[in-house]
N, C-alpha and C. Protein backbone atom coordinates (compact mmCIF):
# COMPACT_ATOMS: atom_id res chain seq x y z
N MET A 1 -17.91 1.21 -7.71
CA MET A 1 -17.05 2.20 -7.12
C MET A 1 -17.17 2.20 -5.60
N TYR A 2 -18.37 2.01 -5.08
CA TYR A 2 -18.56 2.01 -3.63
C TYR A 2 -17.90 0.81 -2.98
N PHE A 3 -17.83 -0.29 -3.69
CA PHE A 3 -17.14 -1.47 -3.17
C PHE A 3 -15.66 -1.15 -2.94
N PHE A 4 -15.04 -0.50 -3.91
CA PHE A 4 -13.63 -0.15 -3.78
C PHE A 4 -13.44 0.95 -2.74
N LEU A 5 -14.36 1.90 -2.68
CA LEU A 5 -14.26 2.95 -1.67
C LEU A 5 -14.37 2.39 -0.26
N SER A 6 -15.24 1.42 -0.07
CA SER A 6 -15.36 0.82 1.26
C SER A 6 -14.10 0.05 1.62
N ASN A 7 -13.49 -0.62 0.66
CA ASN A 7 -12.23 -1.32 0.93
C ASN A 7 -11.10 -0.34 1.20
N LEU A 8 -11.09 0.78 0.47
CA LEU A 8 -10.08 1.80 0.70
C LEU A 8 -10.26 2.43 2.08
N SER A 9 -11.48 2.67 2.47
CA SER A 9 -11.75 3.23 3.80
C SER A 9 -11.31 2.25 4.89
N PHE A 10 -11.59 0.98 4.70
CA PHE A 10 -11.17 -0.03 5.67
C PHE A 10 -9.64 -0.08 5.76
N THR A 11 -8.98 0.04 4.64
CA THR A 11 -7.51 0.04 4.62
C THR A 11 -6.97 1.25 5.36
N ASP A 12 -7.58 2.41 5.17
CA ASP A 12 -7.16 3.61 5.89
C ASP A 12 -7.34 3.45 7.40
N ILE A 13 -8.44 2.85 7.80
CA ILE A 13 -8.67 2.58 9.22
C ILE A 13 -7.60 1.64 9.76
N CYS A 14 -7.25 0.64 8.99
CA CYS A 14 -6.22 -0.32 9.42
C CYS A 14 -4.85 0.34 9.54
N ILE A 15 -4.51 1.22 8.63
CA ILE A 15 -3.23 1.94 8.71
C ILE A 15 -3.18 2.75 10.00
N SER A 16 -4.25 3.47 10.29
CA SER A 16 -4.30 4.26 11.52
C SER A 16 -4.26 3.37 12.75
N SER A 17 -4.93 2.25 12.68
CA SER A 17 -4.99 1.35 13.83
C SER A 17 -3.67 0.66 14.13
N THR A 18 -2.76 0.62 13.19
CA THR A 18 -1.47 0.01 13.46
C THR A 18 -0.51 0.97 14.14
N THR A 19 -0.75 2.26 14.03
CA THR A 19 0.17 3.26 14.56
C THR A 19 -0.37 3.99 15.80
N ILE A 20 -1.60 4.41 15.75
CA ILE A 20 -2.16 5.26 16.80
C ILE A 20 -2.17 4.61 18.19
N PRO A 21 -2.58 3.35 18.35
CA PRO A 21 -2.59 2.79 19.72
C PRO A 21 -1.22 2.82 20.40
N LYS A 22 -0.17 2.46 19.69
CA LYS A 22 1.16 2.48 20.29
C LYS A 22 1.59 3.91 20.62
N MET A 23 1.23 4.83 19.76
CA MET A 23 1.56 6.23 20.02
C MET A 23 0.85 6.71 21.29
N LEU A 24 -0.42 6.35 21.46
CA LEU A 24 -1.16 6.76 22.65
C LEU A 24 -0.57 6.15 23.92
N VAL A 25 -0.16 4.90 23.84
CA VAL A 25 0.49 4.25 24.99
C VAL A 25 1.79 4.96 25.32
N ASN A 26 2.57 5.31 24.31
CA ASN A 26 3.83 6.01 24.54
C ASN A 26 3.61 7.39 25.14
N ILE A 27 2.58 8.07 24.73
CA ILE A 27 2.27 9.38 25.31
C ILE A 27 1.87 9.21 26.78
N GLN A 28 1.07 8.20 27.06
CA GLN A 28 0.62 7.96 28.42
C GLN A 28 1.77 7.56 29.34
N THR A 29 2.67 6.70 28.88
CA THR A 29 3.77 6.21 29.71
C THR A 29 5.03 7.06 29.58
N LYS A 30 4.98 8.04 28.70
CA LYS A 30 6.14 8.90 28.43
C LYS A 30 7.37 8.10 28.02
N SER A 31 7.13 7.08 27.26
CA SER A 31 8.20 6.22 26.75
C SER A 31 8.15 6.26 25.23
N GLN A 32 9.29 6.25 24.59
CA GLN A 32 9.32 6.23 23.13
C GLN A 32 10.15 5.06 22.65
N SER A 33 9.78 3.89 23.06
CA SER A 33 10.50 2.71 22.60
C SER A 33 9.50 1.64 22.21
N ILE A 34 9.96 0.75 21.38
CA ILE A 34 9.13 -0.35 20.90
C ILE A 34 10.01 -1.59 20.86
N SER A 35 9.44 -2.71 21.25
CA SER A 35 10.22 -3.95 21.24
C SER A 35 10.39 -4.43 19.80
N TYR A 36 11.37 -5.30 19.59
CA TYR A 36 11.61 -5.80 18.24
C TYR A 36 10.42 -6.59 17.72
N THR A 37 9.80 -7.36 18.59
CA THR A 37 8.63 -8.14 18.16
C THR A 37 7.52 -7.22 17.69
N SER A 38 7.23 -6.21 18.49
CA SER A 38 6.20 -5.24 18.10
C SER A 38 6.61 -4.48 16.84
N CYS A 39 7.90 -4.21 16.75
CA CYS A 39 8.41 -3.47 15.60
C CYS A 39 8.19 -4.25 14.31
N PHE A 40 8.53 -5.54 14.32
CA PHE A 40 8.39 -6.33 13.10
C PHE A 40 6.92 -6.55 12.74
N THR A 41 6.08 -6.66 13.76
CA THR A 41 4.65 -6.75 13.49
C THR A 41 4.16 -5.44 12.86
N HIS A 42 4.62 -4.34 13.40
CA HIS A 42 4.24 -3.02 12.89
C HIS A 42 4.72 -2.84 11.45
N ILE A 43 5.96 -3.23 11.18
CA ILE A 43 6.50 -3.12 9.82
C ILE A 43 5.64 -3.91 8.84
N THR A 44 5.34 -5.14 9.22
CA THR A 44 4.53 -6.00 8.33
C THR A 44 3.18 -5.36 8.04
N LEU A 45 2.49 -4.92 9.07
CA LEU A 45 1.15 -4.36 8.87
C LEU A 45 1.18 -3.06 8.07
N VAL A 46 2.14 -2.20 8.35
CA VAL A 46 2.22 -0.94 7.62
C VAL A 46 2.51 -1.19 6.14
N VAL A 47 3.46 -2.07 5.85
CA VAL A 47 3.78 -2.36 4.45
C VAL A 47 2.57 -2.97 3.74
N ILE A 48 1.90 -3.89 4.41
CA ILE A 48 0.72 -4.52 3.80
C ILE A 48 -0.35 -3.47 3.48
N PHE A 49 -0.68 -2.64 4.46
CA PHE A 49 -1.78 -1.71 4.26
C PHE A 49 -1.43 -0.56 3.32
N VAL A 50 -0.19 -0.11 3.33
CA VAL A 50 0.21 0.95 2.38
C VAL A 50 0.20 0.40 0.95
N ASN A 51 0.73 -0.80 0.77
CA ASN A 51 0.69 -1.40 -0.57
C ASN A 51 -0.75 -1.65 -1.01
N LEU A 52 -1.57 -2.15 -0.09
CA LEU A 52 -2.97 -2.41 -0.43
C LEU A 52 -3.67 -1.11 -0.84
N GLU A 53 -3.38 -0.04 -0.13
CA GLU A 53 -3.99 1.25 -0.50
C GLU A 53 -3.55 1.67 -1.90
N ASN A 54 -2.29 1.52 -2.22
CA ASN A 54 -1.81 1.87 -3.55
C ASN A 54 -2.47 1.02 -4.63
N PHE A 55 -2.56 -0.28 -4.39
CA PHE A 55 -3.21 -1.15 -5.38
C PHE A 55 -4.69 -0.82 -5.52
N LEU A 56 -5.37 -0.51 -4.42
CA LEU A 56 -6.78 -0.16 -4.51
C LEU A 56 -6.99 1.13 -5.28
N LEU A 57 -6.10 2.09 -5.12
CA LEU A 57 -6.20 3.33 -5.91
C LEU A 57 -6.02 3.04 -7.39
N ALA A 58 -5.12 2.14 -7.73
CA ALA A 58 -4.93 1.77 -9.14
C ALA A 58 -6.16 1.03 -9.68
N VAL A 59 -6.73 0.15 -8.87
CA VAL A 59 -7.93 -0.59 -9.28
C VAL A 59 -9.09 0.38 -9.45
N MET A 60 -9.19 1.36 -8.57
CA MET A 60 -10.26 2.36 -8.70
C MET A 60 -10.08 3.20 -9.96
N ALA A 61 -8.85 3.50 -10.32
CA ALA A 61 -8.59 4.24 -11.56
C ALA A 61 -9.02 3.40 -12.76
N TYR A 62 -8.74 2.10 -12.72
CA TYR A 62 -9.17 1.22 -13.80
C TYR A 62 -10.70 1.17 -13.86
N ASP A 63 -11.34 1.11 -12.71
CA ASP A 63 -12.80 1.09 -12.65
C ASP A 63 -13.38 2.35 -13.29
N ARG A 64 -12.80 3.51 -12.99
CA ARG A 64 -13.26 4.77 -13.59
C ARG A 64 -13.01 4.77 -15.10
N TYR A 65 -11.88 4.21 -15.52
CA TYR A 65 -11.58 4.12 -16.95
C TYR A 65 -12.66 3.32 -17.67
N VAL A 66 -13.01 2.17 -17.12
CA VAL A 66 -14.03 1.33 -17.75
C VAL A 66 -15.38 2.04 -17.74
N ALA A 67 -15.71 2.70 -16.62
CA ALA A 67 -17.01 3.38 -16.52
C ALA A 67 -17.13 4.53 -17.50
N ILE A 68 -16.04 5.25 -17.75
CA ILE A 68 -16.11 6.41 -18.63
C ILE A 68 -15.89 6.04 -20.10
N CYS A 69 -14.94 5.16 -20.35
CA CYS A 69 -14.59 4.85 -21.74
C CYS A 69 -15.43 3.73 -22.34
N HIS A 70 -15.99 2.88 -21.51
CA HIS A 70 -16.83 1.77 -21.98
C HIS A 70 -18.10 1.68 -21.14
N PRO A 71 -18.92 2.72 -21.14
CA PRO A 71 -20.08 2.74 -20.23
C PRO A 71 -21.12 1.67 -20.52
N LEU A 72 -21.29 1.30 -21.79
CA LEU A 72 -22.30 0.31 -22.12
C LEU A 72 -21.85 -1.11 -21.79
N ARG A 73 -20.57 -1.33 -21.72
CA ARG A 73 -20.03 -2.66 -21.40
C ARG A 73 -19.53 -2.76 -19.96
N TYR A 74 -19.81 -1.72 -19.15
CA TYR A 74 -19.27 -1.67 -17.80
C TYR A 74 -19.66 -2.90 -16.97
N MET A 75 -20.91 -3.26 -17.00
CA MET A 75 -21.36 -4.39 -16.17
C MET A 75 -20.79 -5.72 -16.67
N ASP A 76 -20.50 -5.82 -17.95
CA ASP A 76 -19.88 -7.04 -18.47
C ASP A 76 -18.41 -7.13 -18.07
N ILE A 77 -17.71 -5.99 -18.15
CA ILE A 77 -16.28 -5.98 -17.83
C ILE A 77 -16.06 -6.03 -16.33
N MET A 78 -16.73 -5.17 -15.58
CA MET A 78 -16.52 -5.07 -14.14
C MET A 78 -17.62 -5.82 -13.39
N SER A 79 -17.51 -7.10 -13.38
CA SER A 79 -18.49 -7.92 -12.66
C SER A 79 -18.13 -7.97 -11.18
N PRO A 80 -19.09 -8.33 -10.33
CA PRO A 80 -18.78 -8.47 -8.90
C PRO A 80 -17.67 -9.49 -8.64
N ARG A 81 -17.59 -10.48 -9.48
CA ARG A 81 -16.52 -11.47 -9.34
C ARG A 81 -15.15 -10.83 -9.59
N LEU A 82 -15.07 -9.97 -10.61
CA LEU A 82 -13.82 -9.28 -10.89
C LEU A 82 -13.48 -8.29 -9.77
N PHE A 83 -14.50 -7.63 -9.20
CA PHE A 83 -14.27 -6.75 -8.05
C PHE A 83 -13.55 -7.51 -6.94
N ALA A 84 -14.14 -8.63 -6.55
CA ALA A 84 -13.57 -9.43 -5.46
C ALA A 84 -12.18 -9.95 -5.82
N LEU A 85 -12.01 -10.36 -7.08
CA LEU A 85 -10.72 -10.88 -7.51
C LEU A 85 -9.64 -9.80 -7.47
N LEU A 86 -9.95 -8.59 -7.91
CA LEU A 86 -8.98 -7.50 -7.89
C LEU A 86 -8.58 -7.12 -6.46
N VAL A 87 -9.55 -7.08 -5.56
CA VAL A 87 -9.24 -6.76 -4.16
C VAL A 87 -8.43 -7.89 -3.53
N LEU A 88 -8.80 -9.13 -3.81
CA LEU A 88 -8.07 -10.27 -3.26
C LEU A 88 -6.65 -10.33 -3.80
N LEU A 89 -6.48 -10.09 -5.08
CA LEU A 89 -5.14 -10.08 -5.67
C LEU A 89 -4.30 -8.96 -5.07
N SER A 90 -4.90 -7.79 -4.89
CA SER A 90 -4.19 -6.68 -4.26
C SER A 90 -3.75 -7.05 -2.85
N LEU A 91 -4.63 -7.68 -2.11
CA LEU A 91 -4.31 -8.09 -0.74
C LEU A 91 -3.21 -9.13 -0.71
N LEU A 92 -3.28 -10.11 -1.59
CA LEU A 92 -2.26 -11.16 -1.62
C LEU A 92 -0.88 -10.62 -1.99
N VAL A 93 -0.81 -9.74 -2.97
CA VAL A 93 0.47 -9.14 -3.35
C VAL A 93 1.01 -8.29 -2.20
N SER A 94 0.13 -7.56 -1.54
CA SER A 94 0.55 -6.72 -0.41
C SER A 94 1.06 -7.57 0.75
N ILE A 95 0.37 -8.65 1.05
CA ILE A 95 0.82 -9.55 2.12
C ILE A 95 2.15 -10.17 1.76
N GLY A 96 2.30 -10.59 0.52
CA GLY A 96 3.58 -11.18 0.08
C GLY A 96 4.73 -10.20 0.22
N ASP A 97 4.51 -8.96 -0.19
CA ASP A 97 5.56 -7.95 -0.09
C ASP A 97 5.90 -7.65 1.37
N GLY A 98 4.88 -7.55 2.20
CA GLY A 98 5.11 -7.30 3.62
C GLY A 98 5.88 -8.45 4.28
N GLN A 99 5.55 -9.66 3.91
CA GLN A 99 6.23 -10.82 4.49
C GLN A 99 7.68 -10.91 4.02
N ILE A 100 7.91 -10.59 2.78
CA ILE A 100 9.29 -10.62 2.26
C ILE A 100 10.17 -9.65 3.04
N HIS A 101 9.69 -8.42 3.23
CA HIS A 101 10.48 -7.43 3.95
C HIS A 101 10.69 -7.83 5.41
N THR A 102 9.65 -8.34 6.04
CA THR A 102 9.76 -8.71 7.45
C THR A 102 10.68 -9.91 7.62
N LEU A 103 10.52 -10.92 6.80
CA LEU A 103 11.38 -12.10 6.93
C LEU A 103 12.84 -11.76 6.65
N ARG A 104 13.05 -10.88 5.72
CA ARG A 104 14.42 -10.46 5.42
C ARG A 104 15.00 -9.65 6.59
N ALA A 105 14.19 -8.78 7.18
CA ALA A 105 14.66 -7.98 8.31
C ALA A 105 14.87 -8.84 9.56
N LEU A 106 14.12 -9.91 9.70
CA LEU A 106 14.30 -10.80 10.85
C LEU A 106 15.66 -11.50 10.82
N GLN A 107 16.27 -11.60 9.67
CA GLN A 107 17.57 -12.25 9.55
C GLN A 107 18.73 -11.33 9.94
N LEU A 108 18.43 -10.06 10.18
CA LEU A 108 19.47 -9.12 10.56
C LEU A 108 19.86 -9.34 12.02
N SER A 109 21.10 -9.02 12.34
CA SER A 109 21.53 -9.05 13.74
C SER A 109 21.65 -7.62 14.24
N PHE A 110 21.33 -7.44 15.53
CA PHE A 110 21.31 -6.11 16.12
C PHE A 110 22.26 -6.07 17.31
N CYS A 111 22.93 -4.95 17.48
CA CYS A 111 23.91 -4.79 18.55
C CYS A 111 23.30 -4.18 19.81
N THR A 112 22.14 -3.59 19.69
CA THR A 112 21.55 -2.86 20.81
C THR A 112 20.62 -3.76 21.61
N ASP A 113 19.98 -3.17 22.63
CA ASP A 113 18.99 -3.89 23.42
C ASP A 113 17.82 -4.29 22.52
N LEU A 114 16.88 -4.98 23.14
CA LEU A 114 15.73 -5.43 22.36
C LEU A 114 14.62 -4.38 22.32
N GLU A 115 15.01 -3.12 22.29
CA GLU A 115 14.04 -2.03 22.13
C GLU A 115 14.59 -1.02 21.14
N ILE A 116 13.69 -0.44 20.38
CA ILE A 116 14.06 0.57 19.39
C ILE A 116 13.54 1.90 19.91
N PRO A 117 14.35 2.95 19.91
CA PRO A 117 13.94 4.22 20.51
C PRO A 117 13.00 5.06 19.65
N HIS A 118 11.95 4.46 19.14
CA HIS A 118 10.93 5.16 18.36
C HIS A 118 9.58 4.55 18.72
N PHE A 119 8.51 5.33 18.61
CA PHE A 119 7.20 4.73 18.80
C PHE A 119 6.67 4.19 17.47
N PHE A 120 7.15 4.73 16.38
CA PHE A 120 6.75 4.28 15.05
C PHE A 120 7.91 3.49 14.46
N CYS A 121 7.67 2.28 14.10
CA CYS A 121 8.74 1.42 13.61
C CYS A 121 8.72 1.43 12.08
N GLU A 122 9.80 1.86 11.52
CA GLU A 122 9.93 1.96 10.07
C GLU A 122 11.05 1.04 9.61
N LEU A 123 10.85 0.39 8.51
CA LEU A 123 11.82 -0.58 8.01
C LEU A 123 13.19 0.04 7.80
N ALA A 124 13.23 1.25 7.27
CA ALA A 124 14.51 1.92 7.01
C ALA A 124 15.27 2.18 8.32
N GLN A 125 14.55 2.52 9.38
CA GLN A 125 15.19 2.76 10.68
C GLN A 125 15.73 1.47 11.28
N VAL A 126 15.00 0.38 11.11
CA VAL A 126 15.46 -0.91 11.62
C VAL A 126 16.73 -1.34 10.89
N ILE A 127 16.77 -1.11 9.60
CA ILE A 127 17.94 -1.47 8.82
C ILE A 127 19.14 -0.61 9.24
N LYS A 128 18.88 0.65 9.57
CA LYS A 128 19.98 1.53 10.00
C LYS A 128 20.65 1.06 11.29
N ILE A 129 19.89 0.51 12.21
CA ILE A 129 20.48 0.12 13.50
C ILE A 129 21.00 -1.32 13.50
N ALA A 130 20.88 -2.01 12.38
CA ALA A 130 21.38 -3.39 12.31
C ALA A 130 22.90 -3.39 12.23
N CYS A 131 23.48 -4.42 12.83
CA CYS A 131 24.94 -4.57 12.79
C CYS A 131 25.40 -5.40 11.59
N SER A 132 24.53 -6.19 11.04
CA SER A 132 24.90 -7.04 9.92
C SER A 132 24.80 -6.27 8.60
N ASP A 133 25.22 -6.91 7.53
CA ASP A 133 25.22 -6.30 6.20
C ASP A 133 23.78 -6.11 5.73
N THR A 134 23.46 -4.90 5.31
CA THR A 134 22.08 -4.58 4.92
C THR A 134 21.94 -4.20 3.45
N VAL A 135 22.93 -4.50 2.65
CA VAL A 135 22.89 -4.13 1.23
C VAL A 135 21.70 -4.81 0.54
N ILE A 136 21.51 -6.09 0.79
CA ILE A 136 20.42 -6.82 0.14
C ILE A 136 19.07 -6.26 0.58
N ASP A 137 18.96 -5.91 1.85
CA ASP A 137 17.70 -5.34 2.35
C ASP A 137 17.40 -4.00 1.68
N ASN A 138 18.40 -3.16 1.55
CA ASN A 138 18.20 -1.88 0.88
C ASN A 138 17.83 -2.06 -0.59
N ILE A 139 18.49 -2.97 -1.26
CA ILE A 139 18.15 -3.25 -2.66
C ILE A 139 16.73 -3.77 -2.77
N LEU A 140 16.35 -4.65 -1.84
CA LEU A 140 14.99 -5.21 -1.84
C LEU A 140 13.95 -4.11 -1.65
N ILE A 141 14.24 -3.17 -0.78
CA ILE A 141 13.31 -2.06 -0.56
C ILE A 141 13.15 -1.24 -1.85
N TYR A 142 14.25 -0.89 -2.48
CA TYR A 142 14.19 -0.07 -3.70
C TYR A 142 13.51 -0.82 -4.84
N VAL A 143 13.80 -2.09 -4.98
CA VAL A 143 13.16 -2.88 -6.04
C VAL A 143 11.66 -2.98 -5.79
N SER A 144 11.30 -3.23 -4.54
CA SER A 144 9.88 -3.33 -4.19
C SER A 144 9.15 -2.01 -4.44
N ILE A 145 9.76 -0.91 -4.05
CA ILE A 145 9.15 0.39 -4.28
C ILE A 145 9.00 0.66 -5.77
N CYS A 146 10.02 0.31 -6.54
CA CYS A 146 9.95 0.53 -8.00
C CYS A 146 8.87 -0.34 -8.64
N ILE A 147 8.80 -1.59 -8.23
CA ILE A 147 7.81 -2.49 -8.84
C ILE A 147 6.40 -2.12 -8.41
N VAL A 148 6.16 -2.06 -7.09
CA VAL A 148 4.81 -1.76 -6.60
C VAL A 148 4.40 -0.35 -7.00
N GLY A 149 5.29 0.61 -6.77
CA GLY A 149 4.99 1.98 -7.14
C GLY A 149 4.85 2.16 -8.64
N GLY A 150 5.70 1.47 -9.40
CA GLY A 150 5.63 1.57 -10.86
C GLY A 150 4.34 1.00 -11.42
N ILE A 151 3.94 -0.16 -10.89
CA ILE A 151 2.70 -0.78 -11.37
C ILE A 151 1.49 0.08 -11.02
N THR A 152 1.42 0.51 -9.77
CA THR A 152 0.24 1.28 -9.37
C THR A 152 0.21 2.66 -10.00
N LEU A 153 1.32 3.37 -9.96
CA LEU A 153 1.35 4.70 -10.56
C LEU A 153 1.17 4.62 -12.08
N GLY A 154 1.79 3.64 -12.70
CA GLY A 154 1.61 3.45 -14.14
C GLY A 154 0.17 3.15 -14.50
N GLY A 155 -0.48 2.31 -13.70
CA GLY A 155 -1.89 2.01 -13.94
C GLY A 155 -2.78 3.22 -13.80
N ILE A 156 -2.51 4.01 -12.78
CA ILE A 156 -3.31 5.23 -12.56
C ILE A 156 -3.09 6.22 -13.71
N ILE A 157 -1.85 6.45 -14.06
CA ILE A 157 -1.55 7.40 -15.14
C ILE A 157 -2.15 6.91 -16.46
N PHE A 158 -1.99 5.62 -16.77
CA PHE A 158 -2.55 5.07 -18.00
C PHE A 158 -4.06 5.25 -18.04
N SER A 159 -4.73 4.94 -16.93
CA SER A 159 -6.19 5.06 -16.89
C SER A 159 -6.63 6.49 -17.14
N TYR A 160 -5.98 7.43 -16.49
CA TYR A 160 -6.41 8.82 -16.64
C TYR A 160 -6.02 9.42 -17.99
N ILE A 161 -4.93 8.97 -18.57
CA ILE A 161 -4.60 9.40 -19.93
C ILE A 161 -5.66 8.90 -20.90
N ARG A 162 -6.07 7.64 -20.72
CA ARG A 162 -7.12 7.08 -21.59
C ARG A 162 -8.44 7.81 -21.38
N ILE A 163 -8.74 8.16 -20.14
CA ILE A 163 -9.99 8.88 -19.86
C ILE A 163 -9.96 10.27 -20.51
N VAL A 164 -8.86 10.99 -20.34
CA VAL A 164 -8.74 12.33 -20.92
C VAL A 164 -8.81 12.27 -22.44
N SER A 165 -8.13 11.30 -23.05
CA SER A 165 -8.16 11.21 -24.51
C SER A 165 -9.55 10.81 -25.00
N SER A 166 -10.23 9.98 -24.25
CA SER A 166 -11.58 9.58 -24.64
C SER A 166 -12.57 10.74 -24.51
N VAL A 167 -12.47 11.48 -23.43
CA VAL A 167 -13.38 12.60 -23.21
C VAL A 167 -13.08 13.74 -24.18
N SER A 168 -11.80 13.98 -24.44
CA SER A 168 -11.48 15.06 -25.38
C SER A 168 -11.84 14.71 -26.81
N GLY A 169 -11.99 13.44 -27.12
CA GLY A 169 -12.38 13.03 -28.46
C GLY A 169 -13.88 13.02 -28.69
N MET A 170 -14.65 13.22 -27.63
CA MET A 170 -16.11 13.23 -27.76
C MET A 170 -16.57 14.56 -28.36
N PRO A 171 -17.52 14.49 -29.26
CA PRO A 171 -18.04 15.75 -29.81
C PRO A 171 -18.85 16.49 -28.76
N SER A 172 -18.68 17.79 -28.70
CA SER A 172 -19.43 18.58 -27.73
C SER A 172 -20.50 19.39 -28.46
N ARG A 173 -21.51 19.71 -27.73
CA ARG A 173 -22.58 20.52 -28.30
C ARG A 173 -22.16 21.97 -28.25
N GLY A 174 -22.28 22.64 -29.35
CA GLY A 174 -21.94 24.06 -29.40
C GLY A 174 -23.04 24.90 -28.76
N LYS A 175 -22.69 26.13 -28.39
CA LYS A 175 -23.70 27.03 -27.81
C LYS A 175 -24.63 27.51 -28.93
N VAL A 176 -25.87 27.60 -28.58
CA VAL A 176 -26.87 28.01 -29.55
C VAL A 176 -27.01 29.49 -29.57
């Protein structure tokens, strides 16, 4: 559990580190714009770290499920190799999703200057200011949210349903 908590903490630090420095610079310079290059870098990093956080929460729910429902087999099921594999798989899927969105957004054409009037660059805002057709980008966002969100939320809900059913099925000691 501490392995996953440390990875989750690192992911939270990374999410903050992608947004806070630019915000502080904007406050200092009293400017609220971001270049397209910085914007696409920001989009990629935010998508990667948010997805990674969601996957890590799902992996942690699975870890708790195994610890509570199969306590005697926990070390056999959740080996250090599986820990590393689950975190690596979460990272690879997150990077892939972030790259897909960024590469797709890079193909858009923009009518404005090479600055976006926000300090926080969000994919939906970039798509809004694009001059080219953005239907595929919007569909890609919704499909990605449904798949990533569905897998992680489904995993979390499944794990906790199994935990609750396992705990409620255990015999309890009556009061003497």
